[in-house]
Amino acid sequence: MSKFVNKSNTQLPVRDEYAKVISKIADDGVCPFCPEHLAEYHKKPFETKKFWVVTDNMYPYKPSLHHRLIIHIEHITHIDQVSPPAWHELMEIFIKEVADRKITGGTLIMRFGETKFTGASVSHLHAHIVQSNPDDPAYDKVKGLVMRIG
């Protein structure tokens, strides 16, 4: 495992394209979520707040109606490094995202600490807002994935 990415955690039902991107990031030896590298590896538009970056996940869980990614701007890896003002801003982001997207039910996931325990590919504190699509035939797969994470 490189310092910033865990290639073994790309084995979930993810596309080969994602595994290739993670391998390139590992070879480059950089954190893809740090501000100076984010635009290079993340091709979706993003909005920068004071403490967080908010964007669509480039590789959303399937099937999902919404999959938003909220990345701490400073390179930290654990929740004990998040300041009280950053926690407050994160709560505001969650509330705004849910309201703006009219999410009537979903899942919040925060990836922190050692990736061997979290299933995360990137070792940089980040959160997900996921609203699955129960009308999609593959719904049971994402429901099972979210249940296992929680």
C-alpha atoms as a PDB file:
ATOM      1  CA  MET A   1       0.000   0.000   0.000  1.00  0.00           C
ATOM      2  CA  SER A   2       1.246   3.478  -0.781  1.00  0.00           C
ATOM      3  CA  LYS A   3       1.159   6.195   1.830  1.00  0.00           C
ATOM      4  CA  PHE A   4      -2.022   7.705   0.350  1.00  0.00           C
ATOM      5  CA  VAL A   5      -3.994   4.941  -1.354  1.00  0.00           C
ATOM      6  CA  ASN A   6      -4.889   1.332  -0.628  1.00  0.00           C
ATOM      7  CA  LYS A   7      -5.170  -0.503  -3.956  1.00  0.00           C
ATOM      8  CA  SER A   8      -6.543  -3.648  -2.302  1.00  0.00           C
ATOM      9  CA  ASN A   9      -9.706  -1.733  -1.343  1.00  0.00           C
ATOM     10  CA  THR A  10     -10.663  -1.260  -5.000  1.00  0.00           C
ATOM     11  CA  GLN A  11     -11.922  -4.841  -5.198  1.00  0.00           C
ATOM     12  CA  LEU A  12     -15.557  -4.025  -4.370  1.00  0.00           C
ATOM     13  CA  PRO A  13     -17.964  -3.948  -7.318  1.00  0.00           C
ATOM     14  CA  VAL A  14     -15.973  -1.095  -8.836  1.00  0.00           C
ATOM     15  CA  ARG A  15     -15.023  -0.498 -12.413  1.00  0.00           C
ATOM     16  CA  ASP A  16     -11.595  -1.416 -13.782  1.00  0.00           C
ATOM     17  CA  GLU A  17     -11.147   2.275 -14.624  1.00  0.00           C
ATOM     18  CA  TYR A  18     -11.177   3.122 -10.907  1.00  0.00           C
ATOM     19  CA  ALA A  19      -8.524   0.504 -10.132  1.00  0.00           C
ATOM     20  CA  LYS A  20      -6.325   1.993 -12.882  1.00  0.00           C
ATOM     21  CA  VAL A  21      -6.703   5.504 -11.455  1.00  0.00           C
ATOM     22  CA  ILE A  22      -5.826   4.282  -7.952  1.00  0.00           C
ATOM     23  CA  SER A  23      -2.747   2.467  -9.335  1.00  0.00           C
ATOM     24  CA  LYS A  24      -1.612   5.651 -11.082  1.00  0.00           C
ATOM     25  CA  ILE A  25      -2.082   7.657  -7.881  1.00  0.00           C
ATOM     26  CA  ALA A  26      -0.053   5.059  -5.961  1.00  0.00           C
ATOM     27  CA  ASP A  27       2.702   5.244  -8.582  1.00  0.00           C
ATOM     28  CA  ASP A  28       2.648   9.064  -8.445  1.00  0.00           C
ATOM     29  CA  GLY A  29       2.956   8.918  -4.629  1.00  0.00           C
ATOM     30  CA  VAL A  30       0.536  11.773  -3.971  1.00  0.00           C
ATOM     31  CA  CYS A  31      -2.743  12.216  -2.126  1.00  0.00           C
ATOM     32  CA  PRO A  32      -5.492  12.653  -4.721  1.00  0.00           C
ATOM     33  CA  PHE A  33      -7.747  14.468  -2.233  1.00  0.00           C
ATOM     34  CA  CYS A  34      -5.273  17.204  -1.282  1.00  0.00           C
ATOM     35  CA  PRO A  35      -6.153  20.530  -2.952  1.00  0.00           C
ATOM     36  CA  GLU A  36      -2.991  20.666  -5.067  1.00  0.00           C
ATOM     37  CA  HIS A  37      -3.824  17.288  -6.680  1.00  0.00           C
ATOM     38  CA  LEU A  38      -7.623  17.063  -6.601  1.00  0.00           C
ATOM     39  CA  ALA A  39      -8.330  18.519 -10.063  1.00  0.00           C
ATOM     40  CA  GLU A  40      -5.727  16.218 -11.626  1.00  0.00           C
ATOM     41  CA  TYR A  41      -7.423  13.022 -10.445  1.00  0.00           C
ATOM     42  CA  HIS A  42     -11.010  14.135  -9.878  1.00  0.00           C
ATOM     43  CA  LYS A  43     -12.768  15.308 -13.040  1.00  0.00           C
ATOM     44  CA  LYS A  44     -16.115  16.321 -11.514  1.00  0.00           C
ATOM     45  CA  PRO A  45     -16.744  19.986 -10.628  1.00  0.00           C
ATOM     46  CA  PHE A  46     -16.256  20.745  -6.972  1.00  0.00           C
ATOM     47  CA  GLU A  47     -17.128  23.505  -4.551  1.00  0.00           C
ATOM     48  CA  THR A  48     -14.600  24.612  -1.957  1.00  0.00           C
ATOM     49  CA  LYS A  49     -15.824  25.660   1.470  1.00  0.00           C
ATOM     50  CA  LYS A  50     -13.663  26.841   4.360  1.00  0.00           C
ATOM     51  CA  PHE A  51     -12.827  23.329   5.631  1.00  0.00           C
ATOM     52  CA  TRP A  52     -14.332  20.962   3.042  1.00  0.00           C
ATOM     53  CA  VAL A  53     -14.597  20.314  -0.686  1.00  0.00           C
ATOM     54  CA  VAL A  54     -17.983  19.067  -1.941  1.00  0.00           C
ATOM     55  CA  THR A  55     -18.395  17.163  -5.205  1.00  0.00           C
ATOM     56  CA  ASP A  56     -20.095  14.264  -6.927  1.00  0.00           C
ATOM     57  CA  ASN A  57     -18.255  10.997  -6.484  1.00  0.00           C
ATOM     58  CA  MET A  58     -16.523  10.110  -9.759  1.00  0.00           C
ATOM     59  CA  TYR A  59     -17.183   6.429  -9.114  1.00  0.00           C
ATOM     60  CA  PRO A  60     -20.586   6.381  -7.369  1.00  0.00           C
ATOM     61  CA  TYR A  61     -21.943   3.291  -5.703  1.00  0.00           C
ATOM     62  CA  LYS A  62     -24.319   1.563  -8.096  1.00  0.00           C
ATOM     63  CA  PRO A  63     -27.221   2.056  -8.127  1.00  0.00           C
ATOM     64  CA  SER A  64     -27.458   5.433  -6.485  1.00  0.00           C
ATOM     65  CA  LEU A  65     -29.518   8.503  -7.213  1.00  0.00           C
ATOM     66  CA  HIS A  66     -27.015  10.733  -5.423  1.00  0.00           C
ATOM     67  CA  HIS A  67     -23.474  10.077  -4.249  1.00  0.00           C
ATOM     68  CA  ARG A  68     -21.768  13.176  -2.921  1.00  0.00           C
ATOM     69  CA  LEU A  69     -18.227  13.268  -1.606  1.00  0.00           C
ATOM     70  CA  ILE A  70     -17.144  15.713   1.112  1.00  0.00           C
ATOM     71  CA  ILE A  71     -13.373  15.924   1.530  1.00  0.00           C
ATOM     72  CA  HIS A  72     -11.531  17.704   4.346  1.00  0.00           C
ATOM     73  CA  ILE A  73      -9.314  20.335   2.710  1.00  0.00           C
ATOM     74  CA  GLU A  74      -6.346  19.854   5.017  1.00  0.00           C
ATOM     75  CA  HIS A  75      -4.690  16.455   4.723  1.00  0.00           C
ATOM     76  CA  ILE A  76      -5.848  14.705   7.870  1.00  0.00           C
ATOM     77  CA  THR A  77      -6.768  11.076   8.334  1.00  0.00           C
ATOM     78  CA  HIS A  78      -8.675  10.785  11.614  1.00  0.00           C
ATOM     79  CA  ILE A  79     -11.788  12.322  13.137  1.00  0.00           C
ATOM     80  CA  ASP A  80      -9.851  13.414  16.208  1.00  0.00           C
ATOM     81  CA  GLN A  81      -8.076  15.935  13.947  1.00  0.00           C
ATOM     82  CA  VAL A  82     -11.282  17.707  12.872  1.00  0.00           C
ATOM     83  CA  SER A  83     -11.752  21.087  14.549  1.00  0.00           C
ATOM     84  CA  PRO A  84     -15.107  22.068  16.086  1.00  0.00           C
ATOM     85  CA  PRO A  85     -15.680  24.723  13.381  1.00  0.00           C
ATOM     86  CA  ALA A  86     -15.008  22.094  10.674  1.00  0.00           C
ATOM     87  CA  TRP A  87     -17.514  19.712  12.317  1.00  0.00           C
ATOM     88  CA  HIS A  88     -20.077  22.514  12.319  1.00  0.00           C
ATOM     89  CA  GLU A  89     -19.460  23.275   8.652  1.00  0.00           C
ATOM     90  CA  LEU A  90     -19.756  19.561   7.802  1.00  0.00           C
ATOM     91  CA  MET A  91     -23.154  19.411   9.509  1.00  0.00           C
ATOM     92  CA  GLU A  92     -24.257  22.462   7.516  1.00  0.00           C
ATOM     93  CA  ILE A  93     -23.063  20.814   4.292  1.00  0.00           C
ATOM     94  CA  PHE A  94     -24.981  17.603   5.066  1.00  0.00           C
ATOM     95  CA  ILE A  95     -28.184  19.552   5.762  1.00  0.00           C
ATOM     96  CA  LYS A  96     -27.828  21.708   2.629  1.00  0.00           C
ATOM     97  CA  GLU A  97     -27.015  18.742   0.361  1.00  0.00           C
ATOM     98  CA  VAL A  98     -30.006  16.763   1.622  1.00  0.00           C
ATOM     99  CA  ALA A  99     -32.328  19.756   1.184  1.00  0.00           C
ATOM    100  CA  ASP A 100     -30.986  20.830  -2.216  1.00  0.00           C
ATOM    101  CA  ARG A 101     -31.214  17.306  -3.636  1.00  0.00           C
ATOM    102  CA  LYS A 102     -34.495  16.495  -1.882  1.00  0.00           C
ATOM    103  CA  ILE A 103     -32.999  13.353  -0.365  1.00  0.00           C
ATOM    104  CA  THR A 104     -35.787  11.718   1.626  1.00  0.00           C
ATOM    105  CA  GLY A 105     -33.559   8.908   2.883  1.00  0.00           C
ATOM    106  CA  GLY A 106     -29.916   8.063   2.558  1.00  0.00           C
ATOM    107  CA  THR A 107     -26.684   7.043   4.196  1.00  0.00           C
ATOM    108  CA  LEU A 108     -23.825   9.075   5.632  1.00  0.00           C
ATOM    109  CA  ILE A 109     -20.438   7.378   5.646  1.00  0.00           C
ATOM    110  CA  MET A 110     -17.200   8.827   7.003  1.00  0.00           C
ATOM    111  CA  ARG A 111     -13.879   7.238   6.096  1.00  0.00           C
ATOM    112  CA  PHE A 112     -11.167   7.869   8.672  1.00  0.00           C
ATOM    113  CA  GLY A 113      -8.097   6.188  10.049  1.00  0.00           C
ATOM    114  CA  GLU A 114      -6.377   3.112   8.691  1.00  0.00           C
ATOM    115  CA  THR A 115      -7.902   2.043   5.383  1.00  0.00           C
ATOM    116  CA  LYS A 116      -7.600  -1.656   6.243  1.00  0.00           C
ATOM    117  CA  PHE A 117     -10.486  -1.052   8.682  1.00  0.00           C
ATOM    118  CA  THR A 118     -12.597   1.324   6.568  1.00  0.00           C
ATOM    119  CA  GLY A 119     -12.661  -0.083   3.047  1.00  0.00           C
ATOM    120  CA  ALA A 120     -11.499   3.324   1.802  1.00  0.00           C
ATOM    121  CA  SER A 121      -9.172   3.593  -1.165  1.00  0.00           C
ATOM    122  CA  VAL A 122      -7.801   6.997  -0.150  1.00  0.00           C
ATOM    123  CA  SER A 123      -6.183   7.766   3.188  1.00  0.00           C
ATOM    124  CA  HIS A 124      -7.532  11.295   3.630  1.00  0.00           C
ATOM    125  CA  LEU A 125     -10.539  12.027   5.827  1.00  0.00           C
ATOM    126  CA  HIS A 126     -13.704  12.205   3.732  1.00  0.00           C
ATOM    127  CA  ALA A 127     -17.428  11.563   3.958  1.00  0.00           C
ATOM    128  CA  HIS A 128     -20.117  10.311   1.600  1.00  0.00           C
ATOM    129  CA  ILE A 129     -23.806  11.115   1.244  1.00  0.00           C
ATOM    130  CA  VAL A 130     -25.479   8.282  -0.650  1.00  0.00           C
ATOM    131  CA  GLN A 131     -29.085   7.991  -1.707  1.00  0.00           C
ATOM    132  CA  SER A 132     -29.634   4.644  -3.335  1.00  0.00           C
ATOM    133  CA  ASN A 133     -32.177   3.940  -6.050  1.00  0.00           C
ATOM    134  CA  PRO A 134     -34.681   1.320  -4.815  1.00  0.00           C
ATOM    135  CA  ASP A 135     -36.290   1.197  -8.270  1.00  0.00           C
ATOM    136  CA  ASP A 136     -33.101  -0.140  -9.853  1.00  0.00           C
ATOM    137  CA  PRO A 137     -32.900  -3.955 -10.202  1.00  0.00           C
ATOM    138  CA  ALA A 138     -29.421  -3.880  -8.611  1.00  0.00           C
ATOM    139  CA  TYR A 139     -30.735  -2.116  -5.472  1.00  0.00           C
ATOM    140  CA  ASP A 140     -30.131  -5.091  -3.168  1.00  0.00           C
ATOM    141  CA  LYS A 141     -26.407  -4.889  -3.969  1.00  0.00           C
ATOM    142  CA  VAL A 142     -26.014  -1.295  -2.759  1.00  0.00           C
ATOM    143  CA  LYS A 143     -28.316  -1.947   0.194  1.00  0.00           C
ATOM    144  CA  GLY A 144     -26.087  -4.863   1.201  1.00  0.00           C
ATOM    145  CA  LEU A 145     -22.946  -2.792   0.709  1.00  0.00           C
ATOM    146  CA  VAL A 146     -24.244   0.047   2.864  1.00  0.00           C
ATOM    147  CA  MET A 147     -25.422  -2.386   5.548  1.00  0.00           C
ATOM    148  CA  ARG A 148     -21.977  -4.025   5.690  1.00  0.00           C
ATOM    149  CA  ILE A 149     -20.265  -0.632   5.976  1.00  0.00           C
ATOM    150  CA  GLY A 150     -22.513   0.451   8.822  1.00  0.00           C
END
